[in-house]
Amino acid sequence: MVACAYPSPALPSPSHPMAKTGYGKRVPGDEDPHADADFAHLSPRDREIAVFVDHLEEGHAMGYKAIAAEHPRYGQQAVRTSLGRIVLAGHLRWIREHITVEDASMRWVTRTYWSRTRRSEEWWAEFVRERDGKDVTEDHVPGLVRVESAQKAVEQPAPEPEGRAEETGTAYRTLAEVRAADTRMPLSEGDCRSLEPLVAEWLSRGATPGDITKALTDGLPSTVTNPGGLARKRLESKMPPKKAKIRQKAARRARVSRVIMVCGLCDADERTTKILGGLCEECIALIEAEGPAYGHVPDTFLPSPREGDALPGADEVIDVTEKVDALRRAAGLL
């Protein structure tokens, strides 16, 4: 962990939950190096939450419920309000991207972008404009091919794979040459054409022409009355097992076809409401109504009792300052 001038009594633990693949914390661009004044413009509580979030790894869950579940000092309401102020300060944005895939499927995904460096509203607006139309085949859907590769496949279609065509030609020649290996197996042209797919399958499973000739001529009776029928029976009964193949996901291109801003607290987006500084007007009003995050922390803002915690009695008084100092000592911050 990187030291900071405003240590939090809690930093993310290794058990902090990861979001679903492709979601969670993301960094939108180059960051300034860590500095003492990274979050000096925030109130003490908001600063603690910002330090906590800044130390999360990419992909960690960023919802206020997930953060509150790991933070020993603040509950869901406090974390939610602080995240709102952090959004307004320019460190955090939720952006909804409409993804169009070349198989004609479409979906909306909401991305969470965190910036230790304080960003202006103009910077975030430009970031959104740059996301619109961006190819996300590799960035968002691992295993898919590049645009150029997919386009080349479209421009140069092949009715039959080259390797398979070669196997078919080799199969016919192998059958036609069986007569030379043993005169008791004089396969006709019709036999060769009829048996060609079976021999091609042998070849696709790793057999050689010599393997096939041996299978058709070993242990023959003194007289063969139906060479074509005997050959079919042996090719079917002695077929080698299939080689293991790694199945790969079909290649599909994906791109961002639309980008819209989302309120970081209520999930409403700019299709239905006005977004100002990363929040809707209603959520901004709720934050302003709470007032600055200084002084006394209301009981409703404290974390709920966790499993194993002792519930205080009616006459029990908790020294919050002492508890915070103990947490800091446990984290090695004092």
Protein backbone atom coordinates (compact mmCIF):
# COMPACT_ATOMS: atom_id res chain seq x y z
CA MET A 1 0.00 0.00 0.00
CA VAL A 2 1.13 3.54 -0.71
CA ALA A 3 1.42 5.82 2.29
CA CYS A 4 -0.68 8.96 2.36
CA ALA A 5 -0.88 12.05 4.54
CA TYR A 6 -4.51 11.33 5.46
CA PRO A 7 -4.55 7.69 6.58
CA SER A 8 -7.87 5.93 6.84
CA PRO A 9 -8.64 3.74 9.85
CA ALA A 10 -9.51 1.04 7.30
CA LEU A 11 -7.99 0.03 4.01
CA PRO A 12 -9.32 -2.65 1.64
CA SER A 13 -8.69 -6.21 2.75
CA PRO A 14 -7.76 -9.08 0.42
CA SER A 15 -11.32 -10.35 0.91
CA HIS A 16 -12.91 -7.28 -0.70
CA PRO A 17 -15.31 -8.69 -3.31
CA MET A 18 -14.60 -8.55 -7.02
CA ALA A 19 -17.31 -7.39 -9.39
CA LYS A 20 -18.48 -9.56 -12.27
CA THR A 21 -15.87 -9.99 -15.00
CA GLY A 22 -15.62 -6.80 -17.04
CA TYR A 23 -17.14 -4.60 -14.34
CA GLY A 24 -15.93 -3.00 -11.11
CA LYS A 25 -13.30 -0.33 -10.66
CA ARG A 26 -11.63 0.98 -13.84
CA VAL A 27 -9.04 3.69 -14.39
CA PRO A 28 -9.97 6.10 -17.21
CA GLY A 29 -6.49 7.35 -18.06
CA ASP A 30 -3.01 8.20 -16.84
CA GLU A 31 -2.88 9.12 -13.16
CA ASP A 32 -0.65 11.57 -11.34
CA PRO A 33 1.73 9.93 -8.85
CA HIS A 34 0.48 9.53 -5.28
CA ALA A 35 0.86 12.77 -3.35
CA ASP A 36 0.02 14.01 0.14
CA ALA A 37 -2.59 16.41 -1.21
CA ASP A 38 -4.49 13.88 -3.36
CA PHE A 39 -7.73 14.31 -1.40
CA ALA A 40 -6.96 17.42 0.67
CA HIS A 41 -9.99 19.18 -0.84
CA LEU A 42 -12.38 16.63 0.68
CA SER A 43 -13.86 16.57 4.19
CA PRO A 44 -12.35 14.07 6.67
CA ARG A 45 -15.04 11.41 6.19
CA ASP A 46 -15.08 11.74 2.41
CA ARG A 47 -11.28 11.64 2.44
CA GLU A 48 -11.32 8.34 4.33
CA ILE A 49 -13.70 6.80 1.81
CA ALA A 50 -11.64 8.18 -1.09
CA VAL A 51 -8.44 6.65 0.30
CA PHE A 52 -10.26 3.34 0.74
CA VAL A 53 -11.52 3.38 -2.87
CA ASP A 54 -8.16 4.51 -4.24
CA HIS A 55 -6.52 1.42 -2.75
CA LEU A 56 -8.98 -0.98 -4.36
CA GLU A 57 -7.63 -2.98 -7.27
CA GLU A 58 -9.12 -2.81 -10.75
CA GLY A 59 -12.20 -4.99 -10.94
CA HIS A 60 -13.11 -4.65 -7.24
CA ALA A 61 -16.77 -4.01 -6.49
CA MET A 62 -17.49 -0.28 -6.16
CA GLY A 63 -21.08 -0.21 -4.89
CA TYR A 64 -21.67 1.60 -1.63
CA LYS A 65 -23.06 -1.58 -0.06
CA ALA A 66 -19.91 -3.55 -0.90
CA ILE A 67 -17.67 -0.79 0.49
CA ALA A 68 -19.74 -0.38 3.66
CA ALA A 69 -19.63 -4.13 4.27
CA GLU A 70 -15.81 -3.95 4.43
CA HIS A 71 -15.37 -0.56 6.13
CA PRO A 72 -15.55 -0.77 9.96
CA ARG A 73 -16.20 2.93 10.55
CA TYR A 74 -19.13 3.84 8.29
CA GLY A 75 -22.39 2.27 7.23
CA GLN A 76 -24.20 2.26 3.91
CA GLN A 77 -25.80 5.70 4.20
CA ALA A 78 -22.52 7.40 5.10
CA VAL A 79 -20.60 5.64 2.31
CA ARG A 80 -23.35 6.43 -0.22
CA THR A 81 -23.34 10.13 0.65
CA SER A 82 -19.53 10.33 0.65
CA LEU A 83 -19.36 8.64 -2.74
CA GLY A 84 -21.78 11.28 -4.00
CA ARG A 85 -19.51 14.07 -2.81
CA ILE A 86 -16.50 12.29 -4.32
CA VAL A 87 -18.36 12.15 -7.64
CA LEU A 88 -19.04 15.89 -7.49
CA ALA A 89 -15.37 16.49 -6.66
CA GLY A 90 -14.36 14.92 -10.00
CA HIS A 91 -12.88 11.57 -8.93
CA LEU A 92 -15.64 9.13 -9.87
CA ARG A 93 -18.10 8.56 -12.70
CA TRP A 94 -20.60 5.91 -13.69
CA ILE A 95 -20.97 5.71 -17.47
CA ARG A 96 -23.44 3.54 -19.38
CA GLU A 97 -22.15 2.12 -22.68
CA HIS A 98 -24.32 0.55 -25.36
CA ILE A 99 -22.38 -2.36 -26.88
CA THR A 100 -23.22 -3.62 -30.36
CA VAL A 101 -21.78 -6.99 -31.36
CA GLU A 102 -21.43 -8.12 -34.97
CA ASP A 103 -23.87 -11.00 -34.42
CA ALA A 104 -26.51 -8.22 -34.10
CA SER A 105 -26.84 -8.64 -30.31
CA MET A 106 -26.88 -5.45 -28.22
CA ARG A 107 -26.68 -4.68 -24.52
CA TRP A 108 -26.17 -1.84 -22.07
CA VAL A 109 -23.34 -2.09 -19.55
CA THR A 110 -22.53 0.34 -16.75
CA ARG A 111 -18.83 1.04 -16.18
CA THR A 112 -17.31 2.51 -13.01
CA TYR A 113 -14.37 4.86 -13.63
CA TRP A 114 -12.18 6.05 -10.73
CA SER A 115 -9.53 8.75 -11.00
CA ARG A 116 -7.18 9.58 -8.14
CA THR A 117 -6.39 12.74 -10.11
CA ARG A 118 -9.20 15.25 -9.76
CA ARG A 119 -10.87 15.73 -13.17
CA SER A 120 -12.96 18.63 -14.42
CA GLU A 121 -16.45 18.22 -15.85
CA GLU A 122 -15.00 19.10 -19.28
CA TRP A 123 -12.42 16.31 -18.96
CA TRP A 124 -15.10 13.74 -18.18
CA ALA A 125 -17.26 14.99 -21.06
CA GLU A 126 -14.35 14.53 -23.45
CA PHE A 127 -13.69 11.07 -22.04
CA VAL A 128 -17.30 10.10 -22.80
CA ARG A 129 -17.01 11.45 -26.37
CA GLU A 130 -13.88 9.36 -26.93
CA ARG A 131 -15.63 6.20 -25.72
CA ASP A 132 -18.42 6.60 -28.29
CA GLY A 133 -17.68 4.40 -31.31
CA LYS A 134 -14.65 2.74 -29.71
CA ASP A 135 -13.87 -0.84 -30.75
CA VAL A 136 -14.04 -2.93 -27.57
CA THR A 137 -13.59 -6.41 -29.03
CA GLU A 138 -10.41 -7.11 -27.09
CA ASP A 139 -10.83 -4.69 -24.20
CA HIS A 140 -14.22 -5.92 -23.07
CA VAL A 141 -14.72 -9.41 -24.53
CA PRO A 142 -11.56 -11.54 -24.10
CA GLY A 143 -10.85 -14.10 -26.80
CA LEU A 144 -12.44 -12.30 -29.73
CA VAL A 145 -10.47 -11.50 -32.90
CA ARG A 146 -9.39 -8.09 -34.09
CA VAL A 147 -11.52 -6.17 -36.56
CA GLU A 148 -9.00 -6.68 -39.39
CA SER A 149 -8.99 -10.47 -38.97
CA ALA A 150 -12.77 -10.71 -38.98
CA GLN A 151 -13.01 -8.47 -42.05
CA LYS A 152 -10.46 -10.59 -43.92
CA ALA A 153 -12.52 -13.70 -43.20
CA VAL A 154 -15.60 -11.99 -44.64
CA GLU A 155 -13.81 -10.79 -47.77
CA GLN A 156 -12.25 -14.18 -48.53
CA PRO A 157 -14.93 -16.84 -47.94
CA ALA A 158 -14.08 -20.47 -48.69
CA PRO A 159 -16.81 -23.07 -49.46
CA GLU A 160 -14.56 -25.80 -48.06
CA PRO A 161 -11.59 -25.40 -45.69
CA GLU A 162 -8.27 -25.81 -47.49
CA GLY A 163 -7.10 -28.60 -45.17
CA ARG A 164 -10.31 -30.54 -45.65
CA ALA A 165 -10.06 -30.29 -49.46
CA GLU A 166 -6.53 -31.66 -49.32
CA GLU A 167 -7.70 -34.58 -47.14
CA THR A 168 -10.41 -35.43 -49.69
CA GLY A 169 -7.90 -35.59 -52.54
CA THR A 170 -5.52 -37.73 -50.50
CA ALA A 171 -8.40 -40.02 -49.50
CA TYR A 172 -9.32 -40.79 -53.11
CA ARG A 173 -5.70 -41.46 -54.09
CA THR A 174 -5.21 -43.75 -51.08
CA LEU A 175 -8.25 -45.84 -52.05
CA ALA A 176 -7.26 -45.99 -55.72
CA GLU A 177 -3.79 -47.31 -54.79
CA VAL A 178 -5.08 -50.15 -52.55
CA ARG A 179 -5.26 -52.40 -55.67
CA ALA A 180 -1.49 -52.02 -56.08
CA ALA A 181 -0.90 -53.01 -52.44
CA ASP A 182 -3.10 -56.13 -52.73
CA THR A 183 -4.76 -57.37 -55.93
CA ARG A 184 -7.57 -58.92 -53.87
CA MET A 185 -8.90 -55.40 -53.20
CA PRO A 186 -9.52 -53.93 -56.70
CA LEU A 187 -11.69 -50.98 -55.62
CA SER A 188 -13.64 -49.47 -58.51
CA GLU A 189 -13.93 -45.74 -59.19
CA GLY A 190 -17.44 -45.87 -57.68
CA ASP A 191 -16.08 -47.56 -54.56
CA CYS A 192 -13.40 -44.89 -54.21
CA ARG A 193 -15.93 -42.05 -54.50
CA SER A 194 -18.31 -43.71 -52.06
CA LEU A 195 -15.61 -44.47 -49.46
CA GLU A 196 -13.80 -41.16 -49.84
CA PRO A 197 -15.58 -39.40 -46.89
CA LEU A 198 -14.70 -42.26 -44.52
CA VAL A 199 -11.02 -42.15 -45.46
CA ALA A 200 -11.01 -38.33 -45.19
CA GLU A 201 -12.29 -38.72 -41.63
CA TRP A 202 -9.46 -41.19 -40.88
CA LEU A 203 -6.96 -38.61 -42.13
CA SER A 204 -8.55 -35.83 -40.07
CA ARG A 205 -8.06 -37.99 -36.97
CA GLY A 206 -4.33 -38.33 -37.59
CA ALA A 207 -4.14 -41.55 -39.67
CA THR A 208 -1.67 -41.79 -42.58
CA PRO A 209 -2.35 -43.30 -46.03
CA GLY A 210 -0.14 -46.24 -44.95
CA ASP A 211 -2.34 -46.80 -41.86
CA ILE A 212 -5.43 -46.91 -44.05
CA THR A 213 -3.90 -49.28 -46.63
CA LYS A 214 -2.77 -51.62 -43.86
CA ALA A 215 -6.26 -51.62 -42.28
CA LEU A 216 -7.79 -52.54 -45.68
CA THR A 217 -5.34 -55.30 -46.64
CA ASP A 218 -4.23 -57.04 -43.42
CA GLY A 219 -5.59 -60.57 -42.90
CA LEU A 220 -7.62 -60.76 -46.10
CA PRO A 221 -9.30 -64.08 -47.01
CA SER A 222 -7.96 -65.90 -50.07
CA THR A 223 -10.86 -64.62 -52.14
CA VAL A 224 -12.68 -61.29 -51.71
CA THR A 225 -16.05 -61.25 -53.47
CA ASN A 226 -17.07 -57.70 -52.53
CA PRO A 227 -13.98 -55.43 -52.11
CA GLY A 228 -16.09 -52.25 -51.70
CA GLY A 229 -18.29 -53.75 -48.99
CA LEU A 230 -15.32 -55.21 -47.08
CA ALA A 231 -13.47 -51.89 -47.27
CA ARG A 232 -16.48 -49.99 -45.87
CA LYS A 233 -16.89 -52.47 -43.02
CA ARG A 234 -13.20 -52.18 -42.05
CA LEU A 235 -13.12 -48.38 -42.36
CA GLU A 236 -16.16 -48.04 -40.09
CA SER A 237 -15.18 -50.65 -37.49
CA LYS A 238 -11.51 -49.64 -37.20
CA MET A 239 -12.03 -45.85 -37.27
CA PRO A 240 -9.38 -44.21 -34.99
CA PRO A 241 -10.61 -41.98 -32.12
CA LYS A 242 -11.01 -38.25 -32.67
CA LYS A 243 -8.14 -36.02 -31.64
CA ALA A 244 -8.89 -33.68 -28.75
CA LYS A 245 -9.56 -30.19 -30.02
CA ILE A 246 -9.78 -26.94 -28.09
CA ARG A 247 -13.13 -25.35 -28.77
CA GLN A 248 -12.82 -21.62 -29.23
CA LYS A 249 -15.54 -19.06 -28.94
CA ALA A 250 -16.75 -17.75 -32.27
CA ALA A 251 -15.04 -14.54 -33.26
CA ARG A 252 -17.26 -11.50 -32.94
CA ARG A 253 -16.49 -7.82 -33.14
CA ALA A 254 -17.91 -5.43 -30.57
CA ARG A 255 -18.01 -1.65 -30.38
CA VAL A 256 -19.51 1.08 -28.23
CA SER A 257 -22.44 2.49 -30.19
CA ARG A 258 -23.62 5.02 -27.59
CA VAL A 259 -22.39 6.44 -24.26
CA ILE A 260 -24.50 8.22 -21.65
CA MET A 261 -23.79 9.58 -18.18
CA VAL A 262 -25.35 7.87 -15.14
CA CYS A 263 -26.13 9.25 -11.70
CA GLY A 264 -23.65 7.62 -9.34
CA LEU A 265 -26.20 7.23 -6.53
CA CYS A 266 -29.59 6.30 -8.01
CA ASP A 267 -28.58 4.78 -11.39
CA ALA A 268 -30.82 7.14 -13.38
CA ASP A 269 -29.22 8.23 -16.66
CA GLU A 270 -29.40 11.30 -18.86
CA ARG A 271 -32.10 9.75 -21.05
CA THR A 272 -34.61 10.41 -18.28
CA THR A 273 -33.04 13.06 -16.06
CA LYS A 274 -30.46 15.85 -16.09
CA ILE A 275 -27.00 14.81 -14.89
CA LEU A 276 -24.84 17.53 -13.33
CA GLY A 277 -21.31 16.70 -12.27
CA GLY A 278 -22.06 12.99 -12.30
CA LEU A 279 -25.26 13.12 -10.21
CA CYS A 280 -28.92 13.86 -10.87
CA GLU A 281 -30.47 17.01 -9.38
CA GLU A 282 -32.50 15.01 -6.84
CA CYS A 283 -29.44 13.22 -5.44
CA ILE A 284 -27.49 16.49 -5.32
CA ALA A 285 -30.31 18.01 -3.25
CA LEU A 286 -30.21 15.07 -0.81
CA ILE A 287 -26.46 15.48 -0.33
CA GLU A 288 -26.75 19.21 0.20
CA ALA A 289 -29.53 18.65 2.73
CA GLU A 290 -27.21 16.53 4.89
CA GLY A 291 -24.71 19.36 5.16
CA PRO A 292 -20.91 19.05 5.42
CA ALA A 293 -19.45 15.72 6.55
CA TYR A 294 -17.82 17.06 9.73
CA GLY A 295 -18.41 16.44 13.42
CA HIS A 296 -20.93 13.98 14.86
CA VAL A 297 -21.76 10.88 12.83
CA PRO A 298 -25.49 9.97 13.15
CA ASP A 299 -26.28 6.44 14.33
CA THR A 300 -27.90 5.66 10.97
CA PHE A 301 -24.57 6.38 9.28
CA LEU A 302 -22.62 3.89 11.42
CA PRO A 303 -22.02 0.33 10.21
CA SER A 304 -24.48 -2.36 11.26
CA PRO A 305 -23.20 -4.91 13.82
CA ARG A 306 -21.17 -7.59 12.10
CA GLU A 307 -21.09 -11.26 12.99
CA GLY A 308 -19.09 -11.74 16.19
CA ASP A 309 -19.54 -8.12 17.35
CA ALA A 310 -20.81 -7.64 20.90
CA LEU A 311 -23.96 -5.54 21.09
CA PRO A 312 -23.58 -2.69 23.62
CA GLY A 313 -25.98 -2.63 26.59
CA ALA A 314 -28.29 0.25 27.29
CA ASP A 315 -25.85 1.82 29.78
CA GLU A 316 -22.69 1.07 27.86
CA VAL A 317 -20.78 4.04 26.43
CA ILE A 318 -18.42 3.54 23.49
CA ASP A 319 -15.38 5.81 23.17
CA VAL A 320 -15.30 6.33 19.38
CA THR A 321 -11.90 8.10 19.47
CA GLU A 322 -10.32 5.20 21.35
CA LYS A 323 -11.87 2.69 18.95
CA VAL A 324 -10.54 4.56 15.89
CA ASP A 325 -7.06 4.77 17.43
CA ALA A 326 -7.16 1.02 18.08
CA LEU A 327 -8.10 0.36 14.47
CA ARG A 328 -5.26 2.55 13.27
CA ARG A 329 -2.80 0.74 15.49
CA ALA A 330 -4.01 -2.60 14.18
CA ALA A 331 -3.50 -1.38 10.63
CA GLY A 332 0.01 -0.14 11.46
CA LEU A 333 -0.93 3.49 10.91
CA LEU A 334 0.07 4.67 14.40
